[in-house]
PDB file of N, CA and C in Angstrom:
ATOM      1  N   MET A   1      75.213 -21.846  -3.307  1.00  0.00           N
ATOM      2  CA  MET A   1      75.275 -21.709  -1.861  1.00  0.00           C
ATOM      3  C   MET A   1      73.849 -21.515  -1.344  1.00  0.00           C
ATOM      4  N   ARG A   2      73.527 -22.239  -0.321  1.00  0.00           N
ATOM      5  CA  ARG A   2      72.189 -22.173   0.268  1.00  0.00           C
ATOM      6  C   ARG A   2      72.289 -21.630   1.694  1.00  0.00           C
ATOM      7  N   PHE A   3      71.202 -20.986   2.115  1.00  0.00           N
ATOM      8  CA  PHE A   3      71.171 -20.448   3.472  1.00  0.00           C
ATOM      9  C   PHE A   3      71.389 -21.555   4.495  1.00  0.00           C
ATOM     10  N   ARG A   4      70.814 -22.722   4.236  1.00  0.00           N
ATOM     11  CA  ARG A   4      70.942 -23.833   5.182  1.00  0.00           C
ATOM     12  C   ARG A   4      72.405 -24.225   5.380  1.00  0.00           C
ATOM     13  N   GLN A   5      73.195 -24.201   4.318  1.00  0.00           N
ATOM     14  CA  GLN A   5      74.621 -24.517   4.451  1.00  0.00           C
ATOM     15  C   GLN A   5      75.302 -23.511   5.370  1.00  0.00           C
ATOM     16  N   LEU A   6      74.966 -22.255   5.212  1.00  0.00           N
ATOM     17  CA  LEU A   6      75.550 -21.220   6.066  1.00  0.00           C
ATOM     18  C   LEU A   6      75.090 -21.394   7.512  1.00  0.00           C
ATOM     19  N   GLU A   7      73.826 -21.741   7.702  1.00  0.00           N
ATOM     20  CA  GLU A   7      73.319 -21.970   9.052  1.00  0.00           C
ATOM     21  C   GLU A   7      74.049 -23.134   9.715  1.00  0.00           C
ATOM     22  N   TYR A   8      74.258 -24.199   8.979  1.00  0.00           N
ATOM     23  CA  TYR A   8      74.988 -25.349   9.517  1.00  0.00           C
ATOM     24  C   TYR A   8      76.427 -24.964   9.858  1.00  0.00           C
ATOM     25  N   PHE A   9      77.052 -24.228   8.956  1.00  0.00           N
ATOM     26  CA  PHE A   9      78.441 -23.823   9.173  1.00  0.00           C
ATOM     27  C   PHE A   9      78.568 -22.940  10.418  1.00  0.00           C
ATOM     28  N   VAL A  10      77.667 -21.986  10.580  1.00  0.00           N
ATOM     29  CA  VAL A  10      77.693 -21.110  11.755  1.00  0.00           C
ATOM     30  C   VAL A  10      77.466 -21.930  13.025  1.00  0.00           C
ATOM     31  N   ALA A  11      76.579 -22.907  12.955  1.00  0.00           N
ATOM     32  CA  ALA A  11      76.319 -23.759  14.125  1.00  0.00           C
ATOM     33  C   ALA A  11      77.565 -24.550  14.502  1.00  0.00           C
ATOM     34  N   VAL A  12      78.268 -25.102  13.517  1.00  0.00           N
ATOM     35  CA  VAL A  12      79.502 -25.846  13.809  1.00  0.00           C
ATOM     36  C   VAL A  12      80.546 -24.906  14.402  1.00  0.00           C
ATOM     37  N   ALA A  13      80.667 -23.719  13.863  1.00  0.00           N
ATOM     38  CA  ALA A  13      81.640 -22.748  14.381  1.00  0.00           C
ATOM     39  C   ALA A  13      81.306 -22.373  15.827  1.00  0.00           C
ATOM     40  N   ARG A  14      80.023 -22.202  16.121  1.00  0.00           N
ATOM     41  CA  ARG A  14      79.597 -21.829  17.472  1.00  0.00           C
ATOM     42  C   ARG A  14      79.766 -22.993  18.447  1.00  0.00           C
ATOM     43  N   GLU A  15      79.306 -24.172  18.055  1.00  0.00           N
ATOM     44  CA  GLU A  15      79.345 -25.340  18.935  1.00  0.00           C
ATOM     45  C   GLU A  15      80.730 -25.980  19.015  1.00  0.00           C
ATOM     46  N   ARG A  16      81.530 -25.766  17.964  1.00  0.00           N
ATOM     47  CA  ARG A  16      82.860 -26.365  17.860  1.00  0.00           C
ATOM     48  C   ARG A  16      82.773 -27.892  17.934  1.00  0.00           C
ATOM     49  N   HIS A  17      81.655 -28.397  17.379  1.00  0.00           N
ATOM     50  CA  HIS A  17      81.407 -29.836  17.437  1.00  0.00           C
ATOM     51  C   HIS A  17      80.338 -30.166  16.389  1.00  0.00           C
ATOM     52  N   PHE A  18      80.611 -31.124  15.511  1.00  0.00           N
ATOM     53  CA  PHE A  18      79.681 -31.465  14.441  1.00  0.00           C
ATOM     54  C   PHE A  18      78.388 -32.077  14.977  1.00  0.00           C
ATOM     55  N   ALA A  19      78.485 -33.014  15.913  1.00  0.00           N
ATOM     56  CA  ALA A  19      77.296 -33.702  16.407  1.00  0.00           C
ATOM     57  C   ALA A  19      76.360 -32.746  17.145  1.00  0.00           C
ATOM     58  N   ARG A  20      76.908 -31.851  17.947  1.00  0.00           N
ATOM     59  CA  ARG A  20      76.059 -30.891  18.660  1.00  0.00           C
ATOM     60  C   ARG A  20      75.380 -29.929  17.683  1.00  0.00           C
ATOM     61  N   ALA A  21      76.117 -29.508  16.656  1.00  0.00           N
ATOM     62  CA  ALA A  21      75.526 -28.627  15.644  1.00  0.00           C
ATOM     63  C   ALA A  21      74.415 -29.352  14.890  1.00  0.00           C
ATOM     64  N   ALA A  22      74.630 -30.617  14.579  1.00  0.00           N
ATOM     65  CA  ALA A  22      73.612 -31.412  13.884  1.00  0.00           C
ATOM     66  C   ALA A  22      72.375 -31.559  14.764  1.00  0.00           C
ATOM     67  N   ALA A  23      72.568 -31.814  16.039  1.00  0.00           N
ATOM     68  CA  ALA A  23      71.439 -31.956  16.964  1.00  0.00           C
ATOM     69  C   ALA A  23      70.648 -30.651  17.048  1.00  0.00           C
ATOM     70  N   GLU A  24      71.345 -29.528  17.029  1.00  0.00           N
ATOM     71  CA  GLU A  24      70.677 -28.227  17.072  1.00  0.00           C
ATOM     72  C   GLU A  24      69.711 -28.064  15.898  1.00  0.00           C
ATOM     73  N   TRP A  25      70.095 -28.573  14.735  1.00  0.00           N
ATOM     74  CA  TRP A  25      69.280 -28.444  13.525  1.00  0.00           C
ATOM     75  C   TRP A  25      68.432 -29.682  13.250  1.00  0.00           C
ATOM     76  N   ASN A  26      68.462 -30.647  14.165  1.00  0.00           N
ATOM     77  CA  ASN A  26      67.666 -31.865  14.000  1.00  0.00           C
ATOM     78  C   ASN A  26      67.956 -32.580  12.683  1.00  0.00           C
ATOM     79  N   VAL A  27      69.238 -32.678  12.351  1.00  0.00           N
ATOM     80  CA  VAL A  27      69.676 -33.437  11.178  1.00  0.00           C
ATOM     81  C   VAL A  27      70.751 -34.405  11.630  1.00  0.00           C
ATOM     82  N   SER A  28      71.037 -35.368  10.802  1.00  0.00           N
ATOM     83  CA  SER A  28      72.108 -36.300  11.146  1.00  0.00           C
ATOM     84  C   SER A  28      73.451 -35.612  10.960  1.00  0.00           C
ATOM     85  N   GLN A  29      74.431 -36.086  11.688  1.00  0.00           N
ATOM     86  CA  GLN A  29      75.773 -35.505  11.564  1.00  0.00           C
ATOM     87  C   GLN A  29      76.321 -35.694  10.142  1.00  0.00           C
ATOM     88  N   PRO A  30      76.123 -36.854   9.497  1.00  0.00           N
ATOM     89  CA  PRO A  30      76.602 -36.987   8.116  1.00  0.00           C
ATOM     90  C   PRO A  30      75.934 -35.997   7.152  1.00  0.00           C
ATOM     91  N   ALA A  31      74.650 -35.720   7.350  1.00  0.00           N
ATOM     92  CA  ALA A  31      73.961 -34.756   6.485  1.00  0.00           C
ATOM     93  C   ALA A  31      74.534 -33.354   6.671  1.00  0.00           C
ATOM     94  N   LEU A  32      74.797 -32.979   7.915  1.00  0.00           N
ATOM     95  CA  LEU A  32      75.389 -31.674   8.201  1.00  0.00           C
ATOM     96  C   LEU A  32      76.790 -31.588   7.593  1.00  0.00           C
ATOM     97  N   SER A  33      77.584 -32.622   7.781  1.00  0.00           N
ATOM     98  CA  SER A  33      78.945 -32.640   7.226  1.00  0.00           C
ATOM     99  C   SER A  33      78.921 -32.559   5.705  1.00  0.00           C
ATOM    100  N   ALA A  34      77.978 -33.273   5.091  1.00  0.00           N
ATOM    101  CA  ALA A  34      77.873 -33.250   3.630  1.00  0.00           C
ATOM    102  C   ALA A  34      77.525 -31.853   3.126  1.00  0.00           C
ATOM    103  N   ALA A  35      76.641 -31.165   3.827  1.00  0.00           N
ATOM    104  CA  ALA A  35      76.264 -29.800   3.428  1.00  0.00           C
ATOM    105  C   ALA A  35      77.462 -28.868   3.525  1.00  0.00           C
ATOM    106  N   ILE A  36      78.257 -29.017   4.578  1.00  0.00           N
ATOM    107  CA  ILE A  36      79.440 -28.161   4.731  1.00  0.00           C
ATOM    108  C   ILE A  36      80.495 -28.527   3.698  1.00  0.00           C
ATOM    109  N   ASN A  37      80.665 -29.814   3.412  1.00  0.00           N
ATOM    110  CA  ASN A  37      81.598 -30.234   2.365  1.00  0.00           C
ATOM    111  C   ASN A  37      81.212 -29.644   1.020  1.00  0.00           C
ATOM    112  N   LEU A  38      79.923 -29.645   0.727  1.00  0.00           N
ATOM    113  CA  LEU A  38      79.435 -29.056  -0.521  1.00  0.00           C
ATOM    114  C   LEU A  38      79.744 -27.558  -0.571  1.00  0.00           C
ATOM    115  N   LEU A  39      79.565 -26.880   0.555  1.00  0.00           N
ATOM    116  CA  LEU A  39      79.890 -25.454   0.645  1.00  0.00           C
ATOM    117  C   LEU A  39      81.374 -25.236   0.381  1.00  0.00           C
ATOM    118  N   GLU A  40      82.219 -26.065   0.965  1.00  0.00           N
ATOM    119  CA  GLU A  40      83.662 -25.956   0.756  1.00  0.00           C
ATOM    120  C   GLU A  40      84.022 -26.184  -0.707  1.00  0.00           C
ATOM    121  N   ARG A  41      83.392 -27.176  -1.326  1.00  0.00           N
ATOM    122  CA  ARG A  41      83.671 -27.435  -2.749  1.00  0.00           C
ATOM    123  C   ARG A  41      83.205 -26.276  -3.617  1.00  0.00           C
ATOM    124  N   GLU A  42      82.057 -25.734  -3.289  1.00  0.00           N
ATOM    125  CA  GLU A  42      81.529 -24.611  -4.056  1.00  0.00           C
ATOM    126  C   GLU A  42      82.436 -23.390  -3.951  1.00  0.00           C
ATOM    127  N   LEU A  43      82.964 -23.153  -2.761  1.00  0.00           N
ATOM    128  CA  LEU A  43      83.854 -22.005  -2.548  1.00  0.00           C
ATOM    129  C   LEU A  43      85.305 -22.332  -2.895  1.00  0.00           C
ATOM    130  N   ASN A  44      85.584 -23.616  -3.105  1.00  0.00           N
ATOM    131  CA  ASN A  44      86.924 -24.081  -3.435  1.00  0.00           C
ATOM    132  C   ASN A  44      87.942 -23.714  -2.354  1.00  0.00           C
ATOM    133  N   VAL A  45      87.534 -23.939  -1.100  1.00  0.00           N
ATOM    134  CA  VAL A  45      88.400 -23.617   0.024  1.00  0.00           C
ATOM    135  C   VAL A  45      88.009 -24.507   1.208  1.00  0.00           C
ATOM    136  N   SER A  46      88.982 -24.854   2.017  1.00  0.00           N
ATOM    137  CA  SER A  46      88.704 -25.590   3.243  1.00  0.00           C
ATOM    138  C   SER A  46      88.309 -24.586   4.323  1.00  0.00           C
ATOM    139  N   LEU A  47      87.209 -24.867   5.017  1.00  0.00           N
ATOM    140  CA  LEU A  47      86.702 -23.944   6.034  1.00  0.00           C
ATOM    141  C   LEU A  47      86.970 -24.428   7.446  1.00  0.00           C
ATOM    142  N   ILE A  48      87.097 -25.749   7.600  1.00  0.00           N
ATOM    143  CA  ILE A  48      87.236 -26.346   8.923  1.00  0.00           C
ATOM    144  C   ILE A  48      88.438 -27.269   8.944  1.00  0.00           C
ATOM    145  N   ASN A  49      89.275 -27.121   9.968  1.00  0.00           N
ATOM    146  CA  ASN A  49      90.372 -28.058  10.180  1.00  0.00           C
ATOM    147  C   ASN A  49      89.778 -29.304  10.817  1.00  0.00           C
ATOM    148  N   ARG A  50      89.951 -30.418  10.130  1.00  0.00           N
ATOM    149  CA  ARG A  50      89.371 -31.668  10.608  1.00  0.00           C
ATOM    150  C   ARG A  50      90.463 -32.670  10.926  1.00  0.00           C
ATOM    151  N   GLY A  51      90.246 -33.384  11.984  1.00  0.00           N
ATOM    152  CA  GLY A  51      91.045 -34.545  12.325  1.00  0.00           C
ATOM    153  C   GLY A  51      90.036 -35.619  12.644  1.00  0.00           C
ATOM    154  N   HIS A  52      90.165 -36.241  13.785  1.00  0.00           N
ATOM    155  CA  HIS A  52      89.123 -37.157  14.230  1.00  0.00           C
ATOM    156  C   HIS A  52      87.945 -36.379  14.797  1.00  0.00           C
ATOM    157  N   ALA A  53      88.154 -35.113  15.041  1.00  0.00           N
ATOM    158  CA  ALA A  53      87.106 -34.244  15.573  1.00  0.00           C
ATOM    159  C   ALA A  53      87.341 -32.836  15.043  1.00  0.00           C
ATOM    160  N   PHE A  54      86.450 -31.934  15.386  1.00  0.00           N
ATOM    161  CA  PHE A  54      86.589 -30.528  15.002  1.00  0.00           C
ATOM    162  C   PHE A  54      87.866 -29.975  15.625  1.00  0.00           C
ATOM    163  N   GLU A  55      88.712 -29.368  14.810  1.00  0.00           N
ATOM    164  CA  GLU A  55      89.968 -28.803  15.315  1.00  0.00           C
ATOM    165  C   GLU A  55      90.029 -27.291  15.174  1.00  0.00           C
ATOM    166  N   GLY A  56      88.950 -26.684  14.708  1.00  0.00           N
ATOM    167  CA  GLY A  56      88.913 -25.238  14.553  1.00  0.00           C
ATOM    168  C   GLY A  56      88.667 -24.833  13.114  1.00  0.00           C
ATOM    169  N   LEU A  57      88.456 -23.562  12.935  1.00  0.00           N
ATOM    170  CA  LEU A  57      88.225 -23.026  11.602  1.00  0.00           C
ATOM    171  C   LEU A  57      89.547 -22.643  10.951  1.00  0.00           C
ATOM    172  N   THR A  58      89.590 -22.765   9.658  1.00  0.00           N
ATOM    173  CA  THR A  58      90.738 -22.261   8.901  1.00  0.00           C
ATOM    174  C   THR A  58      90.632 -20.738   8.883  1.00  0.00           C
ATOM    175  N   PRO A  59      91.668 -20.040   8.460  1.00  0.00           N
ATOM    176  CA  PRO A  59      91.548 -18.573   8.339  1.00  0.00           C
ATOM    177  C   PRO A  59      90.382 -18.175   7.417  1.00  0.00           C
ATOM    178  N   GLU A  60      90.178 -18.935   6.348  1.00  0.00           N
ATOM    179  CA  GLU A  60      89.051 -18.655   5.453  1.00  0.00           C
ATOM    180  C   GLU A  60      87.727 -18.908   6.165  1.00  0.00           C
ATOM    181  N   GLY A  61      87.692 -19.948   6.985  1.00  0.00           N
ATOM    182  CA  GLY A  61      86.491 -20.251   7.759  1.00  0.00           C
ATOM    183  C   GLY A  61      86.177 -19.161   8.762  1.00  0.00           C
ATOM    184  N   GLU A  62      87.218 -18.615   9.395  1.00  0.00           N
ATOM    185  CA  GLU A  62      87.026 -17.505  10.347  1.00  0.00           C
ATOM    186  C   GLU A  62      86.403 -16.307   9.654  1.00  0.00           C
ATOM    187  N   ARG A  63      86.826 -16.043   8.437  1.00  0.00           N
ATOM    188  CA  ARG A  63      86.266 -14.905   7.699  1.00  0.00           C
ATOM    189  C   ARG A  63      84.850 -15.195   7.230  1.00  0.00           C
ATOM    190  N   LEU A  64      84.629 -16.442   6.773  1.00  0.00           N
ATOM    191  CA  LEU A  64      83.299 -16.782   6.285  1.00  0.00           C
ATOM    192  C   LEU A  64      82.268 -16.746   7.404  1.00  0.00           C
ATOM    193  N   VAL A  65      82.625 -17.157   8.599  1.00  0.00           N
ATOM    194  CA  VAL A  65      81.635 -17.164   9.681  1.00  0.00           C
ATOM    195  C   VAL A  65      81.127 -15.747   9.953  1.00  0.00           C
ATOM    196  N   ILE A  66      81.978 -14.761   9.824  1.00  0.00           N
ATOM    197  CA  ILE A  66      81.558 -13.361   9.993  1.00  0.00           C
ATOM    198  C   ILE A  66      80.559 -12.984   8.899  1.00  0.00           C
ATOM    199  N   TRP A  67      80.906 -13.305   7.654  1.00  0.00           N
ATOM    200  CA  TRP A  67      80.018 -13.003   6.532  1.00  0.00           C
ATOM    201  C   TRP A  67      78.719 -13.788   6.638  1.00  0.00           C
ATOM    202  N   ALA A  68      78.810 -15.047   7.011  1.00  0.00           N
ATOM    203  CA  ALA A  68      77.614 -15.891   7.106  1.00  0.00           C
ATOM    204  C   ALA A  68      76.644 -15.333   8.138  1.00  0.00           C
ATOM    205  N   LYS A  69      77.148 -14.881   9.271  1.00  0.00           N
ATOM    206  CA  LYS A  69      76.277 -14.291  10.294  1.00  0.00           C
ATOM    207  C   LYS A  69      75.583 -13.043   9.763  1.00  0.00           C
ATOM    208  N   ARG A  70      76.297 -12.230   9.018  1.00  0.00           N
ATOM    209  CA  ARG A  70      75.696 -11.023   8.430  1.00  0.00           C
ATOM    210  C   ARG A  70      74.621 -11.391   7.412  1.00  0.00           C
ATOM    211  N   ILE A  71      74.958 -12.345   6.547  1.00  0.00           N
ATOM    212  CA  ILE A  71      74.014 -12.761   5.507  1.00  0.00           C
ATOM    213  C   ILE A  71      72.753 -13.325   6.137  1.00  0.00           C
ATOM    214  N   LEU A  72      72.916 -14.167   7.141  1.00  0.00           N
ATOM    215  CA  LEU A  72      71.758 -14.775   7.792  1.00  0.00           C
ATOM    216  C   LEU A  72      70.924 -13.734   8.546  1.00  0.00           C
ATOM    217  N   ALA A  73      71.576 -12.759   9.156  1.00  0.00           N
ATOM    218  CA  ALA A  73      70.842 -11.684   9.841  1.00  0.00           C
ATOM    219  C   ALA A  73      70.035 -10.861   8.832  1.00  0.00           C
ATOM    220  N   GLU A  74      70.629 -10.567   7.695  1.00  0.00           N
ATOM    221  CA  GLU A  74      69.915  -9.820   6.650  1.00  0.00           C
ATOM    222  C   GLU A  74      68.756 -10.640   6.106  1.00  0.00           C
ATOM    223  N   HIS A  75      68.959 -11.925   5.947  1.00  0.00           N
ATOM    224  CA  HIS A  75      67.906 -12.821   5.477  1.00  0.00           C
ATOM    225  C   HIS A  75      66.735 -12.818   6.463  1.00  0.00           C
ATOM    226  N   ASP A  76      67.028 -12.919   7.751  1.00  0.00           N
ATOM    227  CA  ASP A  76      65.977 -12.887   8.774  1.00  0.00           C
ATOM    228  C   ASP A  76      65.251 -11.545   8.770  1.00  0.00           C
ATOM    229  N   ALA A  77      65.990 -10.456   8.620  1.00  0.00           N
ATOM    230  CA  ALA A  77      65.377  -9.126   8.586  1.00  0.00           C
ATOM    231  C   ALA A  77      64.464  -8.988   7.370  1.00  0.00           C
ATOM    232  N   PHE A  78      64.899  -9.523   6.252  1.00  0.00           N
ATOM    233  CA  PHE A  78      64.080  -9.464   5.043  1.00  0.00           C
ATOM    234  C   PHE A  78      62.790 -10.261   5.219  1.00  0.00           C
ATOM    235  N   LYS A  79      62.886 -11.453   5.804  1.00  0.00           N
ATOM    236  CA  LYS A  79      61.688 -12.258   6.043  1.00  0.00           C
ATOM    237  C   LYS A  79      60.722 -11.525   6.965  1.00  0.00           C
ATOM    238  N   ALA A  80      61.239 -10.869   7.991  1.00  0.00           N
ATOM    239  CA  ALA A  80      60.397 -10.097   8.911  1.00  0.00           C
ATOM    240  C   ALA A  80      59.730  -8.933   8.178  1.00  0.00           C
ATOM    241  N   GLU A  81      60.468  -8.290   7.294  1.00  0.00           N
ATOM    242  CA  GLU A  81      59.920  -7.174   6.518  1.00  0.00           C
ATOM    243  C   GLU A  81      58.792  -7.651   5.610  1.00  0.00           C
ATOM    244  N   VAL A  82      58.969  -8.786   4.973  1.00  0.00           N
ATOM    245  CA  VAL A  82      57.928  -9.341   4.106  1.00  0.00           C
ATOM    246  C   VAL A  82      56.685  -9.669   4.924  1.00  0.00           C
ATOM    247  N   GLN A  83      56.871 -10.263   6.099  1.00  0.00           N
ATOM    248  CA  GLN A  83      55.730 -10.575   6.964  1.00  0.00           C
ATOM    249  C   GLN A  83      54.992  -9.306   7.384  1.00  0.00           C
ATOM    250  N   ALA A  84      55.747  -8.256   7.678  1.00  0.00           N
ATOM    251  CA  ALA A  84      55.126  -6.995   8.078  1.00  0.00           C
ATOM    252  C   ALA A  84      54.304  -6.415   6.938  1.00  0.00           C
ATOM    253  N   VAL A  85      54.827  -6.469   5.736  1.00  0.00           N
ATOM    254  CA  VAL A  85      54.101  -5.949   4.579  1.00  0.00           C
ATOM    255  C   VAL A  85      52.843  -6.771   4.334  1.00  0.00           C
ATOM    256  N   GLN A  86      52.958  -8.084   4.437  1.00  0.00           N
ATOM    257  CA  GLN A  86      51.798  -8.949   4.213  1.00  0.00           C
ATOM    258  C   GLN A  86      50.715  -8.748   5.269  1.00  0.00           C
ATOM    259  N   SER A  87      51.127  -8.471   6.495  1.00  0.00           N
ATOM    260  CA  SER A  87      50.146  -8.286   7.567  1.00  0.00           C
ATOM    261  C   SER A  87      49.570  -6.878   7.572  1.00  0.00           C
ATOM    262  N   GLY A  88      50.179  -5.974   6.832  1.00  0.00           N
ATOM    263  CA  GLY A  88      49.700  -4.603   6.779  1.00  0.00           C
ATOM    264  C   GLY A  88      50.199  -3.737   7.915  1.00  0.00           C
ATOM    265  N   VAL A  89      51.080  -4.256   8.748  1.00  0.00           N
ATOM    266  CA  VAL A  89      51.611  -3.495   9.879  1.00  0.00           C
ATOM    267  C   VAL A  89      52.981  -2.958   9.472  1.00  0.00           C
ATOM    268  N   THR A  90      52.970  -1.811   8.840  1.00  0.00           N
ATOM    269  CA  THR A  90      54.219  -1.172   8.431  1.00  0.00           C
ATOM    270  C   THR A  90      54.091   0.329   8.566  1.00  0.00           C
ATOM    271  N   GLY A  91      55.199   0.999   8.450  1.00  0.00           N
ATOM    272  CA  GLY A  91      55.184   2.441   8.433  1.00  0.00           C
ATOM    273  C   GLY A  91      55.640   3.064   9.735  1.00  0.00           C
ATOM    274  N   VAL A  92      55.592   4.376   9.742  1.00  0.00           N
ATOM    275  CA  VAL A  92      56.021   5.152  10.896  1.00  0.00           C
ATOM    276  C   VAL A  92      54.846   6.027  11.322  1.00  0.00           C
ATOM    277  N   LEU A  93      54.561   6.021  12.591  1.00  0.00           N
ATOM    278  CA  LEU A  93      53.501   6.866  13.134  1.00  0.00           C
ATOM    279  C   LEU A  93      54.148   8.115  13.715  1.00  0.00           C
ATOM    280  N   ARG A  94      53.703   9.264  13.241  1.00  0.00           N
ATOM    281  CA  ARG A  94      54.220  10.527  13.761  1.00  0.00           C
ATOM    282  C   ARG A  94      53.049  11.356  14.264  1.00  0.00           C
ATOM    283  N   LEU A  95      53.215  11.911  15.435  1.00  0.00           N
ATOM    284  CA  LEU A  95      52.180  12.748  16.021  1.00  0.00           C
ATOM    285  C   LEU A  95      52.694  14.172  16.112  1.00  0.00           C
ATOM    286  N   GLY A  96      51.839  15.090  15.755  1.00  0.00           N
ATOM    287  CA  GLY A  96      52.191  16.495  15.884  1.00  0.00           C
ATOM    288  C   GLY A  96      51.235  17.158  16.865  1.00  0.00           C
ATOM    289  N   ILE A  97      51.771  18.041  17.674  1.00  0.00           N
ATOM    290  CA  ILE A  97      50.927  18.740  18.648  1.00  0.00           C
ATOM    291  C   ILE A  97      51.295  20.219  18.642  1.00  0.00           C
ATOM    292  N   VAL A  98      50.348  21.003  19.050  1.00  0.00           N
ATOM    293  CA  VAL A  98      50.615  22.436  19.182  1.00  0.00           C
ATOM    294  C   VAL A  98      51.306  22.649  20.515  1.00  0.00           C
ATOM    295  N   PRO A  99      52.149  23.652  20.640  1.00  0.00           N
ATOM    296  CA  PRO A  99      52.921  23.845  21.870  1.00  0.00           C
ATOM    297  C   PRO A  99      52.084  23.915  23.145  1.00  0.00           C
ATOM    298  N   LYS A 100      50.906  24.542  23.114  1.00  0.00           N
ATOM    299  CA  LYS A 100      50.108  24.662  24.335  1.00  0.00           C
ATOM    300  C   LYS A 100      49.584  23.314  24.815  1.00  0.00           C
ATOM    301  N   ALA A 101      49.428  22.361  23.927  1.00  0.00           N
ATOM    302  CA  ALA A 101      48.899  21.051  24.302  1.00  0.00           C
ATOM    303  C   ALA A 101      49.992  20.113  24.801  1.00  0.00           C
ATOM    304  N   SER A 102      51.231  20.521  24.678  1.00  0.00           N
ATOM    305  CA  SER A 102      52.329  19.597  24.990  1.00  0.00           C
ATOM    306  C   SER A 102      52.322  19.137  26.449  1.00  0.00           C
ATOM    307  N   THR A 103      51.923  19.983  27.396  1.00  0.00           N
ATOM    308  CA  THR A 103      51.915  19.545  28.799  1.00  0.00           C
ATOM    309  C   THR A 103      50.822  18.518  29.043  1.00  0.00           C
ATOM    310  N   ARG A 104      49.670  18.662  28.408  1.00  0.00           N
ATOM    311  CA  ARG A 104      48.591  17.679  28.568  1.00  0.00           C
ATOM    312  C   ARG A 104      48.958  16.358  27.891  1.00  0.00           C
ATOM    313  N   VAL A 105      49.570  16.413  26.746  1.00  0.00           N
ATOM    314  CA  VAL A 105      49.968  15.197  26.029  1.00  0.00           C
ATOM    315  C   VAL A 105      51.019  14.457  26.838  1.00  0.00           C
ATOM    316  N   ARG A 106      51.911  15.175  27.465  1.00  0.00           N
ATOM    317  CA  ARG A 106      52.956  14.546  28.274  1.00  0.00           C
ATOM    318  C   ARG A 106      52.331  13.720  29.399  1.00  0.00           C
ATOM    319  N   ARG A 107      51.243  14.211  29.992  1.00  0.00           N
ATOM    320  CA  ARG A 107      50.564  13.482  31.069  1.00  0.00           C
ATOM    321  C   ARG A 107      49.855  12.221  30.548  1.00  0.00           C
ATOM    322  N   LEU A 108      49.377  12.276  29.297  1.00  0.00           N
ATOM    323  CA  LEU A 108      48.648  11.148  28.717  1.00  0.00           C
ATOM    324  C   LEU A 108      49.574  10.051  28.184  1.00  0.00           C
ATOM    325  N   ARG A 109      50.753  10.448  27.875  1.00  0.00           N
ATOM    326  CA  ARG A 109      51.693   9.529  27.231  1.00  0.00           C
ATOM    327  C   ARG A 109      52.029   8.374  28.167  1.00  0.00           C
ATOM    328  N   SER A 110      52.047   7.183  27.618  1.00  0.00           N
ATOM    329  CA  SER A 110      52.377   5.983  28.392  1.00  0.00           C
ATOM    330  C   SER A 110      53.860   5.940  28.677  1.00  0.00           C
ATOM    331  N   PRO A 111      54.269   5.610  29.914  1.00  0.00           N
ATOM    332  CA  PRO A 111      55.692   5.522  30.238  1.00  0.00           C
ATOM    333  C   PRO A 111      56.408   4.471  29.390  1.00  0.00           C
ATOM    334  N   SER A 112      55.680   3.444  28.945  1.00  0.00           N
ATOM    335  CA  SER A 112      56.323   2.391  28.136  1.00  0.00           C
ATOM    336  C   SER A 112      56.693   2.900  26.761  1.00  0.00           C
ATOM    337  N   LEU A 113      56.113   4.026  26.326  1.00  0.00           N
ATOM    338  CA  LEU A 113      56.417   4.561  24.998  1.00  0.00           C
ATOM    339  C   LEU A 113      57.533   5.587  25.054  1.00  0.00           C
ATOM    340  N   CYS A 114      57.994   5.931  26.207  1.00  0.00           N
ATOM    341  CA  CYS A 114      59.041   6.947  26.345  1.00  0.00           C
ATOM    342  C   CYS A 114      60.372   6.396  25.942  1.00  0.00           C
TER     343      CYS A 114
END
C-alpha cells in the first residue's frame, strides 16, 4: 500500500467522481483507477461501488476513508516534524519571571502572543 493510493482514494471519496479526482492530482483517470484497483486487490476488498460512474463507497470503503485520512494526516505531520528538525527550529520556549516583574512583562508582551 502506498500513500499515493490512499491520496487518490480519499480524493475520489471527496469528489465522488473519478475524473475530477484525477484532475486534482494531475494524473489520467485510468492511472488513478488503476491505483485504486491495486489498493482493492491488495486489501482483497471492493472499496467503491462502480457502474458507469461512481456510485458511492462500499461499507469497507467508508471505513477505509476514515483510516486513510488519519494515516495521511500523520504522514504530513511527520514530514513537517522532519523539516523542523532539519531546519533547527524545534523545541519549546519557556520564560520565567519573578513576581515583581510580571506587571512590566505584561506591558511588553505582544498581543499576538497572548
